[in-house]
C-alpha atoms as a PDB file:
ATOM      1  CA  MET A   1      70.979   0.850  12.224  1.00  0.00           C
ATOM      2  CA  LEU A   2      68.924   1.386   9.051  1.00  0.00           C
ATOM      3  CA  GLU A   3      66.053  -0.524  10.670  1.00  0.00           C
ATOM      4  CA  LEU A   4      66.167   1.813  13.672  1.00  0.00           C
ATOM      5  CA  VAL A   5      66.176   4.914  11.449  1.00  0.00           C
ATOM      6  CA  ILE A   6      63.239   3.751   9.280  1.00  0.00           C
ATOM      7  CA  PHE A   7      60.955   2.616  12.115  1.00  0.00           C
ATOM      8  CA  SER A   8      61.862   5.547  14.360  1.00  0.00           C
ATOM      9  CA  THR A   9      61.138   7.952  11.510  1.00  0.00           C
ATOM     10  CA  LEU A  10      57.752   6.329  10.874  1.00  0.00           C
ATOM     11  CA  ASN A  11      56.833   6.402  14.562  1.00  0.00           C
ATOM     12  CA  GLY A  12      58.153   9.945  14.944  1.00  0.00           C
ATOM     13  CA  VAL A  13      56.151  11.275  11.997  1.00  0.00           C
ATOM     14  CA  LEU A  14      53.058   9.423  13.266  1.00  0.00           C
ATOM     15  CA  TYR A  15      53.427  10.890  16.766  1.00  0.00           C
ATOM     16  CA  GLY A  16      54.137  14.317  15.292  1.00  0.00           C
ATOM     17  CA  MET A  17      51.012  14.233  13.102  1.00  0.00           C
ATOM     18  CA  LEU A  18      48.937  13.149  16.104  1.00  0.00           C
ATOM     19  CA  LEU A  19      50.303  16.132  18.010  1.00  0.00           C
ATOM     20  CA  PHE A  20      49.445  18.368  15.062  1.00  0.00           C
ATOM     21  CA  LEU A  21      45.826  17.143  15.034  1.00  0.00           C
ATOM     22  CA  LEU A  22      45.568  18.328  18.618  1.00  0.00           C
ATOM     23  CA  ALA A  23      47.734  21.442  18.343  1.00  0.00           C
ATOM     24  CA  SER A  24      45.998  22.724  15.183  1.00  0.00           C
ATOM     25  CA  GLY A  25      42.704  23.099  17.042  1.00  0.00           C
ATOM     26  CA  LEU A  26      44.433  24.648  20.038  1.00  0.00           C
ATOM     27  CA  THR A  27      46.341  27.194  17.960  1.00  0.00           C
ATOM     28  CA  LEU A  28      43.194  28.117  15.980  1.00  0.00           C
ATOM     29  CA  ILE A  29      41.331  28.730  19.232  1.00  0.00           C
ATOM     30  CA  PHE A  30      44.213  30.816  20.548  1.00  0.00           C
ATOM     31  CA  SER A  31      44.346  32.841  17.331  1.00  0.00           C
ATOM     32  CA  MET A  32      40.619  33.439  17.506  1.00  0.00           C
ATOM     33  CA  MET A  33      40.105  34.251  21.181  1.00  0.00           C
ATOM     34  CA  GLY A  34      43.620  34.901  22.472  1.00  0.00           C
ATOM     35  CA  VAL A  35      43.272  32.292  25.213  1.00  0.00           C
ATOM     36  CA  LEU A  36      45.199  29.072  25.798  1.00  0.00           C
ATOM     37  CA  ASN A  37      42.583  26.387  26.313  1.00  0.00           C
ATOM     38  CA  PHE A  38      43.811  24.195  29.179  1.00  0.00           C
ATOM     39  CA  ALA A  39      40.905  21.805  28.591  1.00  0.00           C
ATOM     40  CA  HIS A  40      41.881  21.038  24.991  1.00  0.00           C
ATOM     41  CA  ALA A  41      43.582  17.719  25.835  1.00  0.00           C
ATOM     42  CA  SER A  42      40.420  16.776  27.752  1.00  0.00           C
ATOM     43  CA  PHE A  43      38.483  16.900  24.462  1.00  0.00           C
ATOM     44  CA  TYR A  44      41.082  14.476  23.094  1.00  0.00           C
ATOM     45  CA  MET A  45      40.328  12.168  26.037  1.00  0.00           C
ATOM     46  CA  LEU A  46      36.580  12.558  25.481  1.00  0.00           C
ATOM     47  CA  GLY A  47      37.087  11.558  21.820  1.00  0.00           C
ATOM     48  CA  ALA A  48      38.837   8.357  22.888  1.00  0.00           C
ATOM     49  CA  TYR A  49      36.076   7.434  25.377  1.00  0.00           C
ATOM     50  CA  PHE A  50      33.257   8.355  22.984  1.00  0.00           C
ATOM     51  CA  GLY A  51      35.016   6.280  20.315  1.00  0.00           C
ATOM     52  CA  PHE A  52      35.289   3.333  22.700  1.00  0.00           C
ATOM     53  CA  GLN A  53      31.640   3.525  23.754  1.00  0.00           C
ATOM     54  CA  ILE A  54      30.258   3.875  20.219  1.00  0.00           C
ATOM     55  CA  SER A  55      32.520   0.995  19.110  1.00  0.00           C
ATOM     56  CA  GLN A  56      30.960  -1.139  21.855  1.00  0.00           C
ATOM     57  CA  TRP A  57      27.425  -0.241  20.814  1.00  0.00           C
ATOM     58  CA  LEU A  58      27.881  -0.142  17.032  1.00  0.00           C
ATOM     59  CA  ASP A  59      31.233  -0.226  15.234  1.00  0.00           C
ATOM     60  CA  PHE A  60      34.636   1.501  15.144  1.00  0.00           C
ATOM     61  CA  TRP A  61      33.912   2.958  11.700  1.00  0.00           C
ATOM     62  CA  VAL A  62      30.714   4.564  12.956  1.00  0.00           C
ATOM     63  CA  ALA A  63      32.658   5.901  15.958  1.00  0.00           C
ATOM     64  CA  LEU A  64      35.289   7.390  13.638  1.00  0.00           C
ATOM     65  CA  PHE A  65      32.668   9.803  12.256  1.00  0.00           C
ATOM     66  CA  VAL A  66      30.182  10.177  15.117  1.00  0.00           C
ATOM     67  CA  ALA A  67      32.548  10.618  18.103  1.00  0.00           C
ATOM     68  CA  PRO A  68      34.418  13.707  16.728  1.00  0.00           C
ATOM     69  CA  VAL A  69      31.040  15.302  15.899  1.00  0.00           C
ATOM     70  CA  CYS A  70      29.835  14.674  19.475  1.00  0.00           C
ATOM     71  CA  VAL A  71      33.046  16.161  20.916  1.00  0.00           C
ATOM     72  CA  GLY A  72      32.732  19.119  18.536  1.00  0.00           C
ATOM     73  CA  LEU A  73      29.179  19.752  19.767  1.00  0.00           C
ATOM     74  CA  VAL A  74      30.371  19.620  23.374  1.00  0.00           C
ATOM     75  CA  GLY A  75      33.122  22.105  22.492  1.00  0.00           C
ATOM     76  CA  ALA A  76      30.674  24.443  20.745  1.00  0.00           C
ATOM     77  CA  ALA A  77      28.359  24.289  23.776  1.00  0.00           C
ATOM     78  CA  VAL A  78      31.281  25.112  26.090  1.00  0.00           C
ATOM     79  CA  GLU A  79      32.117  28.169  23.978  1.00  0.00           C
ATOM     80  CA  ARG A  80      28.513  29.326  23.620  1.00  0.00           C
ATOM     81  CA  TRP A  81      27.329  28.975  27.212  1.00  0.00           C
ATOM     82  CA  GLY A  82      30.610  29.118  29.139  1.00  0.00           C
ATOM     83  CA  LEU A  83      33.636  30.712  27.553  1.00  0.00           C
ATOM     84  CA  ARG A  84      31.697  33.460  25.778  1.00  0.00           C
ATOM     85  CA  THR A  85      30.232  34.593  29.088  1.00  0.00           C
ATOM     86  CA  VAL A  86      33.612  34.523  30.837  1.00  0.00           C
ATOM     87  CA  HIS A  87      35.350  36.224  27.879  1.00  0.00           C
ATOM     88  CA  LYS A  88      34.100  39.697  28.843  1.00  0.00           C
ATOM     89  CA  TRP A  89      35.960  39.492  32.200  1.00  0.00           C
ATOM     90  CA  GLY A  90      39.383  39.084  30.543  1.00  0.00           C
ATOM     91  CA  HIS A  91      41.950  36.394  29.827  1.00  0.00           C
ATOM     92  CA  VAL A  92      42.728  35.344  33.406  1.00  0.00           C
ATOM     93  CA  PRO A  93      39.132  34.211  34.129  1.00  0.00           C
ATOM     94  CA  GLU A  94      39.183  32.417  30.752  1.00  0.00           C
ATOM     95  CA  LEU A  95      42.332  30.512  31.705  1.00  0.00           C
ATOM     96  CA  LEU A  96      40.871  29.602  35.091  1.00  0.00           C
ATOM     97  CA  PHE A  97      37.613  28.528  33.410  1.00  0.00           C
ATOM     98  CA  THR A  98      39.384  26.113  31.037  1.00  0.00           C
ATOM     99  CA  PHE A  99      41.642  24.919  33.884  1.00  0.00           C
ATOM    100  CA  GLY A 100      38.607  24.016  35.980  1.00  0.00           C
ATOM    101  CA  LEU A 101      36.798  22.536  32.984  1.00  0.00           C
ATOM    102  CA  ALA A 102      39.668  20.062  32.446  1.00  0.00           C
ATOM    103  CA  PHE A 103      39.192  18.681  35.968  1.00  0.00           C
ATOM    104  CA  VAL A 104      35.401  18.572  35.582  1.00  0.00           C
ATOM    105  CA  ILE A 105      35.703  16.529  32.367  1.00  0.00           C
ATOM    106  CA  GLU A 106      38.224  14.145  33.958  1.00  0.00           C
ATOM    107  CA  GLU A 107      36.001  13.569  37.000  1.00  0.00           C
ATOM    108  CA  MET A 108      32.959  12.946  34.785  1.00  0.00           C
ATOM    109  CA  VAL A 109      34.945  10.427  32.715  1.00  0.00           C
ATOM    110  CA  GLN A 110      36.004   8.616  35.888  1.00  0.00           C
ATOM    111  CA  MET A 111      32.414   8.567  37.179  1.00  0.00           C
ATOM    112  CA  ILE A 112      31.090   7.070  33.932  1.00  0.00           C
ATOM    113  CA  TRP A 113      33.902   4.741  32.783  1.00  0.00           C
ATOM    114  CA  GLY A 114      35.929   4.239  35.963  1.00  0.00           C
ATOM    115  CA  LYS A 115      39.559   4.944  36.818  1.00  0.00           C
ATOM    116  CA  LEU A 116      41.024   1.895  35.081  1.00  0.00           C
ATOM    117  CA  PRO A 117      41.912   1.747  31.354  1.00  0.00           C
ATOM    118  CA  VAL A 118      39.090   0.552  29.079  1.00  0.00           C
ATOM    119  CA  ASP A 119      39.405  -2.269  26.534  1.00  0.00           C
ATOM    120  CA  TYR A 120      39.464  -0.109  23.377  1.00  0.00           C
ATOM    121  CA  ARG A 121      40.796  -2.441  20.671  1.00  0.00           C
ATOM    122  CA  VAL A 122      42.077  -2.022  17.128  1.00  0.00           C
ATOM    123  CA  PRO A 123      39.287  -2.870  14.602  1.00  0.00           C
ATOM    124  CA  ARG A 124      39.591  -6.330  13.066  1.00  0.00           C
ATOM    125  CA  LEU A 125      39.782  -4.910   9.551  1.00  0.00           C
ATOM    126  CA  LEU A 126      43.104  -3.214  10.412  1.00  0.00           C
ATOM    127  CA  ASP A 127      44.479  -5.737  12.893  1.00  0.00           C
ATOM    128  CA  PHE A 128      47.292  -7.116  10.715  1.00  0.00           C
ATOM    129  CA  PRO A 129      50.908  -6.192   9.804  1.00  0.00           C
ATOM    130  CA  ALA A 130      51.116  -3.578   7.037  1.00  0.00           C
ATOM    131  CA  PHE A 131      54.614  -4.665   5.968  1.00  0.00           C
ATOM    132  CA  GLU A 132      57.700  -6.482   7.200  1.00  0.00           C
ATOM    133  CA  LEU A 133      61.182  -4.963   7.108  1.00  0.00           C
ATOM    134  CA  PHE A 134      64.388  -6.439   8.548  1.00  0.00           C
ATOM    135  CA  GLY A 135      62.248  -9.117  10.212  1.00  0.00           C
ATOM    136  CA  THR A 136      60.101  -6.540  12.031  1.00  0.00           C
ATOM    137  CA  THR A 137      56.444  -5.958  11.222  1.00  0.00           C
ATOM    138  CA  TYR A 138      54.653  -2.601  11.289  1.00  0.00           C
ATOM    139  CA  PRO A 139      50.937  -2.545  12.286  1.00  0.00           C
ATOM    140  CA  ALA A 140      48.426  -1.553   9.616  1.00  0.00           C
ATOM    141  CA  PHE A 141      46.480   0.502  12.169  1.00  0.00           C
ATOM    142  CA  ARG A 142      49.469   2.811  12.665  1.00  0.00           C
ATOM    143  CA  MET A 143      49.652   3.376   8.904  1.00  0.00           C
ATOM    144  CA  PHE A 144      45.911   4.142   9.004  1.00  0.00           C
ATOM    145  CA  MET A 145      46.531   6.691  11.780  1.00  0.00           C
ATOM    146  CA  LEU A 146      49.271   8.297   9.694  1.00  0.00           C
ATOM    147  CA  LEU A 147      47.092   8.494   6.570  1.00  0.00           C
ATOM    148  CA  ILE A 148      44.144   9.978   8.497  1.00  0.00           C
ATOM    149  CA  SER A 149      46.417  12.612  10.075  1.00  0.00           C
ATOM    150  CA  VAL A 150      47.960  13.610   6.727  1.00  0.00           C
ATOM    151  CA  ALA A 151      44.506  13.748   5.081  1.00  0.00           C
ATOM    152  CA  ILE A 152      43.155  15.991   7.874  1.00  0.00           C
ATOM    153  CA  PHE A 153      46.176  18.294   7.534  1.00  0.00           C
ATOM    154  CA  LEU A 154      45.605  18.660   3.772  1.00  0.00           C
ATOM    155  CA  VAL A 155      41.841  19.231   4.189  1.00  0.00           C
ATOM    156  CA  LEU A 156      42.476  21.816   6.906  1.00  0.00           C
ATOM    157  CA  LEU A 157      45.015  23.598   4.717  1.00  0.00           C
ATOM    158  CA  MET A 158      42.587  23.657   1.776  1.00  0.00           C
ATOM    159  CA  ILE A 159      39.695  24.946   3.908  1.00  0.00           C
ATOM    160  CA  LEU A 160      41.721  27.747   5.465  1.00  0.00           C
ATOM    161  CA  THR A 161      43.468  28.912   2.287  1.00  0.00           C
ATOM    162  CA  ARG A 162      41.136  28.090  -0.615  1.00  0.00           C
ATOM    163  CA  SER A 163      37.553  28.340   0.656  1.00  0.00           C
ATOM    164  CA  ARG A 164      35.249  31.255   1.471  1.00  0.00           C
ATOM    165  CA  ILE A 165      34.730  29.917   4.997  1.00  0.00           C
ATOM    166  CA  GLY A 166      38.485  29.856   5.523  1.00  0.00           C
ATOM    167  CA  LEU A 167      38.832  33.448   4.338  1.00  0.00           C
ATOM    168  CA  ILE A 168      36.065  34.594   6.721  1.00  0.00           C
ATOM    169  CA  ILE A 169      37.735  32.736   9.609  1.00  0.00           C
ATOM    170  CA  GLN A 170      41.147  34.256   8.859  1.00  0.00           C
ATOM    171  CA  ALA A 171      39.619  37.710   8.558  1.00  0.00           C
ATOM    172  CA  ALA A 172      37.698  37.228  11.817  1.00  0.00           C
ATOM    173  CA  LEU A 173      40.942  36.278  13.568  1.00  0.00           C
ATOM    174  CA  THR A 174      42.629  39.594  12.791  1.00  0.00           C
ATOM    175  CA  HIS A 175      39.808  42.064  12.080  1.00  0.00           C
ATOM    176  CA  PRO A 176      36.644  40.845  13.892  1.00  0.00           C
ATOM    177  CA  ASN A 177      34.973  44.285  13.879  1.00  0.00           C
ATOM    178  CA  MET A 178      35.433  44.695  10.136  1.00  0.00           C
ATOM    179  CA  VAL A 179      34.026  41.192   9.479  1.00  0.00           C
ATOM    180  CA  ALA A 180      31.015  41.992  11.694  1.00  0.00           C
ATOM    181  CA  MET A 181      30.386  45.230   9.767  1.00  0.00           C
ATOM    182  CA  LEU A 182      30.324  43.198   6.536  1.00  0.00           C
ATOM    183  CA  GLY A 183      27.338  41.277   7.905  1.00  0.00           C
ATOM    184  CA  HIS A 184      28.977  38.109   9.211  1.00  0.00           C
ATOM    185  CA  ASN A 185      28.034  36.725  12.628  1.00  0.00           C
ATOM    186  CA  VAL A 186      31.470  36.769  14.308  1.00  0.00           C
ATOM    187  CA  PRO A 187      30.371  35.091  17.605  1.00  0.00           C
ATOM    188  CA  LYS A 188      28.909  32.254  15.518  1.00  0.00           C
ATOM    189  CA  VAL A 189      32.207  31.979  13.595  1.00  0.00           C
ATOM    190  CA  PHE A 190      34.070  31.801  16.912  1.00  0.00           C
ATOM    191  CA  MET A 191      31.720  29.083  18.193  1.00  0.00           C
ATOM    192  CA  MET A 192      32.145  27.063  14.976  1.00  0.00           C
ATOM    193  CA  VAL A 193      35.949  27.320  15.128  1.00  0.00           C
ATOM    194  CA  PHE A 194      35.981  26.315  18.805  1.00  0.00           C
ATOM    195  CA  GLY A 195      33.719  23.350  18.037  1.00  0.00           C
ATOM    196  CA  PHE A 196      35.814  22.405  14.998  1.00  0.00           C
ATOM    197  CA  GLY A 197      39.039  22.564  17.018  1.00  0.00           C
ATOM    198  CA  SER A 198      37.480  20.418  19.740  1.00  0.00           C
ATOM    199  CA  GLY A 199      36.268  17.969  17.078  1.00  0.00           C
ATOM    200  CA  LEU A 200      39.829  17.643  15.716  1.00  0.00           C
ATOM    201  CA  ALA A 201      41.026  16.801  19.232  1.00  0.00           C
ATOM    202  CA  GLY A 202      38.181  14.274  19.479  1.00  0.00           C
ATOM    203  CA  LEU A 203      39.212  12.678  16.168  1.00  0.00           C
ATOM    204  CA  ALA A 204      42.792  12.368  17.464  1.00  0.00           C
ATOM    205  CA  GLY A 205      41.384  10.592  20.519  1.00  0.00           C
ATOM    206  CA  VAL A 206      39.299   8.164  18.437  1.00  0.00           C
ATOM    207  CA  ILE A 207      42.265   7.022  16.327  1.00  0.00           C
ATOM    208  CA  ALA A 208      44.857   7.144  19.132  1.00  0.00           C
ATOM    209  CA  GLY A 209      42.683   5.346  21.696  1.00  0.00           C
ATOM    210  CA  PRO A 210      43.165   1.795  20.335  1.00  0.00           C
ATOM    211  CA  ALA A 211      46.912   2.283  19.738  1.00  0.00           C
ATOM    212  CA  LEU A 212      47.673   3.985  23.054  1.00  0.00           C
ATOM    213  CA  VAL A 213      46.032   3.387  26.417  1.00  0.00           C
ATOM    214  CA  THR A 214      42.545   4.876  26.875  1.00  0.00           C
ATOM    215  CA  GLN A 215      42.467   5.993  30.491  1.00  0.00           C
ATOM    216  CA  PRO A 216      41.501   9.122  32.489  1.00  0.00           C
ATOM    217  CA  SER A 217      45.129  10.271  32.773  1.00  0.00           C
ATOM    218  CA  MET A 218      45.685  10.381  28.990  1.00  0.00           C
ATOM    219  CA  ALA A 219      44.883  14.103  28.920  1.00  0.00           C
ATOM    220  CA  HIS A 220      47.597  14.805  31.505  1.00  0.00           C
ATOM    221  CA  VAL A 221      50.114  12.753  29.498  1.00  0.00           C
ATOM    222  CA  LEU A 222      49.649  14.681  26.256  1.00  0.00           C
ATOM    223  CA  GLY A 223      48.350  18.044  27.501  1.00  0.00           C
ATOM    224  CA  PRO A 224      51.635  19.712  28.562  1.00  0.00           C
ATOM    225  CA  ILE A 225      53.404  18.777  25.334  1.00  0.00           C
ATOM    226  CA  LEU A 226      50.641  20.506  23.312  1.00  0.00           C
ATOM    227  CA  PHE A 227      51.522  23.860  24.835  1.00  0.00           C
ATOM    228  CA  VAL A 228      55.179  23.245  23.949  1.00  0.00           C
ATOM    229  CA  VAL A 229      54.106  22.668  20.315  1.00  0.00           C
ATOM    230  CA  VAL A 230      51.936  25.792  20.172  1.00  0.00           C
ATOM    231  CA  VAL A 231      54.494  28.085  21.841  1.00  0.00           C
ATOM    232  CA  PHE A 232      57.512  26.660  20.004  1.00  0.00           C
ATOM    233  CA  GLY A 233      55.787  26.828  16.609  1.00  0.00           C
ATOM    234  CA  GLY A 234      54.550  30.349  17.267  1.00  0.00           C
ATOM    235  CA  LEU A 235      51.379  31.481  19.004  1.00  0.00           C
ATOM    236  CA  GLY A 236      48.573  31.388  16.476  1.00  0.00           C
ATOM    237  CA  SER A 237      50.654  29.957  13.599  1.00  0.00           C
ATOM    238  CA  LEU A 238      49.281  26.802  11.943  1.00  0.00           C
ATOM    239  CA  PRO A 239      52.427  26.142   9.803  1.00  0.00           C
ATOM    240  CA  GLY A 240      54.533  26.701  12.921  1.00  0.00           C
ATOM    241  CA  ALA A 241      52.447  24.162  14.849  1.00  0.00           C
ATOM    242  CA  PHE A 242      52.935  21.647  12.009  1.00  0.00           C
ATOM    243  CA  ILE A 243      56.747  22.049  11.995  1.00  0.00           C
ATOM    244  CA  ALA A 244      56.979  21.978  15.793  1.00  0.00           C
ATOM    245  CA  SER A 245      54.779  18.860  15.997  1.00  0.00           C
ATOM    246  CA  LEU A 246      56.998  16.930  13.581  1.00  0.00           C
ATOM    247  CA  MET A 247      60.204  18.125  15.294  1.00  0.00           C
ATOM    248  CA  ILE A 248      59.027  17.100  18.757  1.00  0.00           C
ATOM    249  CA  GLY A 249      57.595  13.801  17.466  1.00  0.00           C
ATOM    250  CA  LEU A 250      60.891  12.851  15.798  1.00  0.00           C
ATOM    251  CA  ILE A 251      63.105  14.046  18.670  1.00  0.00           C
ATOM    252  CA  GLN A 252      61.162  12.119  21.305  1.00  0.00           C
ATOM    253  CA  THR A 253      60.938   8.954  19.223  1.00  0.00           C
ATOM    254  CA  PHE A 254      64.638   8.896  18.293  1.00  0.00           C
ATOM    255  CA  ALA A 255      65.610   9.713  21.883  1.00  0.00           C
ATOM    256  CA  ILE A 256      63.733   6.641  23.123  1.00  0.00           C
ATOM    257  CA  ALA A 257      65.195   4.427  20.400  1.00  0.00           C
ATOM    258  CA  ILE A 258      68.844   5.486  20.902  1.00  0.00           C
ATOM    259  CA  ASN A 259      70.347   3.510  23.774  1.00  0.00           C
ATOM    260  CA  TYR A 260      73.509   5.557  24.293  1.00  0.00           C
ATOM    261  CA  SER A 261      74.704   7.339  27.390  1.00  0.00           C
ATOM    262  CA  ILE A 262      76.699  10.533  27.808  1.00  0.00           C
ATOM    263  CA  GLY A 263      79.594   8.314  28.867  1.00  0.00           C
ATOM    264  CA  ASP A 264      79.464   6.397  25.571  1.00  0.00           C
ATOM    265  CA  LEU A 265      79.709   9.684  23.660  1.00  0.00           C
ATOM    266  CA  LEU A 266      82.585  11.052  25.741  1.00  0.00           C
ATOM    267  CA  SER A 267      84.427   7.720  25.578  1.00  0.00           C
ATOM    268  CA  THR A 268      84.694   8.097  21.805  1.00  0.00           C
ATOM    269  CA  VAL A 269      86.840  11.232  22.326  1.00  0.00           C
ATOM    270  CA  GLY A 270      89.061   9.486  24.850  1.00  0.00           C
ATOM    271  CA  MET A 271      87.544  10.765  28.130  1.00  0.00           C
ATOM    272  CA  ALA A 272      87.622   8.303  31.032  1.00  0.00           C
ATOM    273  CA  ARG A 273      84.693   7.754  33.446  1.00  0.00           C
ATOM    274  CA  PRO A 274      85.085   9.539  36.813  1.00  0.00           C
ATOM    275  CA  VAL A 275      85.565   7.111  39.682  1.00  0.00           C
ATOM    276  CA  GLN A 276      82.841   8.542  41.930  1.00  0.00           C
ATOM    277  CA  GLY A 277      80.690  11.584  42.624  1.00  0.00           C
ATOM    278  CA  MET A 278      77.955  13.374  40.678  1.00  0.00           C
ATOM    279  CA  LEU A 279      79.900  13.229  37.400  1.00  0.00           C
ATOM    280  CA  SER A 280      80.020   9.447  37.689  1.00  0.00           C
ATOM    281  CA  ASP A 281      76.200   9.349  37.898  1.00  0.00           C
ATOM    282  CA  LEU A 282      75.814  11.734  34.956  1.00  0.00           C
ATOM    283  CA  TRP A 283      78.168   9.488  32.975  1.00  0.00           C
ATOM    284  CA  GLN A 284      75.485   6.780  32.935  1.00  0.00           C
ATOM    285  CA  VAL A 285      72.534   8.983  31.935  1.00  0.00           C
ATOM    286  CA  THR A 286      71.140   7.695  28.626  1.00  0.00           C
ATOM    287  CA  VAL A 287      69.605   9.657  25.751  1.00  0.00           C
ATOM    288  CA  ALA A 288      66.300   7.873  26.452  1.00  0.00           C
ATOM    289  CA  GLN A 289      66.279   9.339  29.970  1.00  0.00           C
ATOM    290  CA  VAL A 290      66.964  12.861  28.687  1.00  0.00           C
ATOM    291  CA  GLY A 291      64.460  12.596  25.786  1.00  0.00           C
ATOM    292  CA  PRO A 292      61.256  13.578  27.665  1.00  0.00           C
ATOM    293  CA  VAL A 293      62.957  16.744  28.943  1.00  0.00           C
ATOM    294  CA  VAL A 294      64.172  17.927  25.518  1.00  0.00           C
ATOM    295  CA  PRO A 295      60.843  19.499  24.343  1.00  0.00           C
ATOM    296  CA  TYR A 296      60.593  21.543  27.547  1.00  0.00           C
ATOM    297  CA  LEU A 297      64.219  22.635  27.122  1.00  0.00           C
ATOM    298  CA  MET A 298      63.256  23.741  23.604  1.00  0.00           C
ATOM    299  CA  LEU A 299      60.346  25.688  25.111  1.00  0.00           C
ATOM    300  CA  VAL A 300      62.638  27.518  27.535  1.00  0.00           C
ATOM    301  CA  LEU A 301      65.200  28.343  24.839  1.00  0.00           C
ATOM    302  CA  ILE A 302      62.627  29.590  22.309  1.00  0.00           C
ATOM    303  CA  LEU A 303      61.049  31.856  24.925  1.00  0.00           C
ATOM    304  CA  ILE A 304      64.481  33.327  25.743  1.00  0.00           C
ATOM    305  CA  PHE A 305      65.796  33.830  22.220  1.00  0.00           C
ATOM    306  CA  ARG A 306      62.625  34.118  20.081  1.00  0.00           C
ATOM    307  CA  PRO A 307      59.493  34.758  22.198  1.00  0.00           C
ATOM    308  CA  THR A 308      57.199  34.764  19.150  1.00  0.00           C
ATOM    309  CA  GLY A 309      58.141  31.141  18.326  1.00  0.00           C
ATOM    310  CA  LEU A 310      59.361  29.781  15.000  1.00  0.00           C
ATOM    311  CA  MET A 311      56.670  31.330  12.797  1.00  0.00           C
ATOM    312  CA  GLY A 312      54.483  33.324  15.166  1.00  0.00           C
ATOM    313  CA  THR A 313      53.929  37.061  15.165  1.00  0.00           C
ATOM    314  CA  ARG A 314      52.092  37.471  18.465  1.00  0.00           C
ATOM    315  CA  GLU A 315      53.956  37.844  21.760  1.00  0.00           C
ATOM    316  CA  SER A 316      50.984  37.506  24.123  1.00  0.00           C
END
């Protein structure tokens, strides 16, 4: 049991921090422009494919730095020559723009790299067990992913709260006209934040690509859960996104690891299994089967009882 708790906690925190890397950029972009970027998970996918390609040409360690920069530049270009133009027509055209952009990016990825998963491998330097506990080893690359995610979180926190750039960004989020009157180029700030958020998604793709499967559908797998994180944590709230990411990461990981059914739980209080019918089928439903639905149930409940999310202040 202790083994299950330790490894599930490690995997849950790792998954949660990976979600935060993605959700932090998404929530910054929402705070800045008031639009949910449906193409954000596509930048994560682009990061994984750029990382794979640069690793093939050069090295994983070069890809770790170059690929997020490339994705960030793509994101900045999208904001400068696409989203900024659409922005003046309102939020609905913006949503439709990012929705279409996600499909364009996916089709381009399939045209260049194909529809099958690519052979994106863990670098040799980190291809060994980090430690062994209860006879089970834990990969060093996963510990590397965890350390990178924590380091990015701390750097992001320092930039936003302790630096002049962070203060300008925070001011531009809430009082863009005032910041412009003080002489700052607000559209340029917006473009930099959009590019930075896209770069964070790209970095998540570079480090997640070797551990997960790098394929064109990876954006669809992780994309919906990002919106659960952002809405549950609170629209535009970075601390809320951090808490929500860890909660969802731990809930999903423990749900997969726990092999109990509703029947097992009810049997402990003396209830007998129904002979037949729908209740008999529900009796055999395991926690692992319910786990993927739990985050979306959390989304529904938070929208009913606290529409601003855990730490958000905006309702739309």
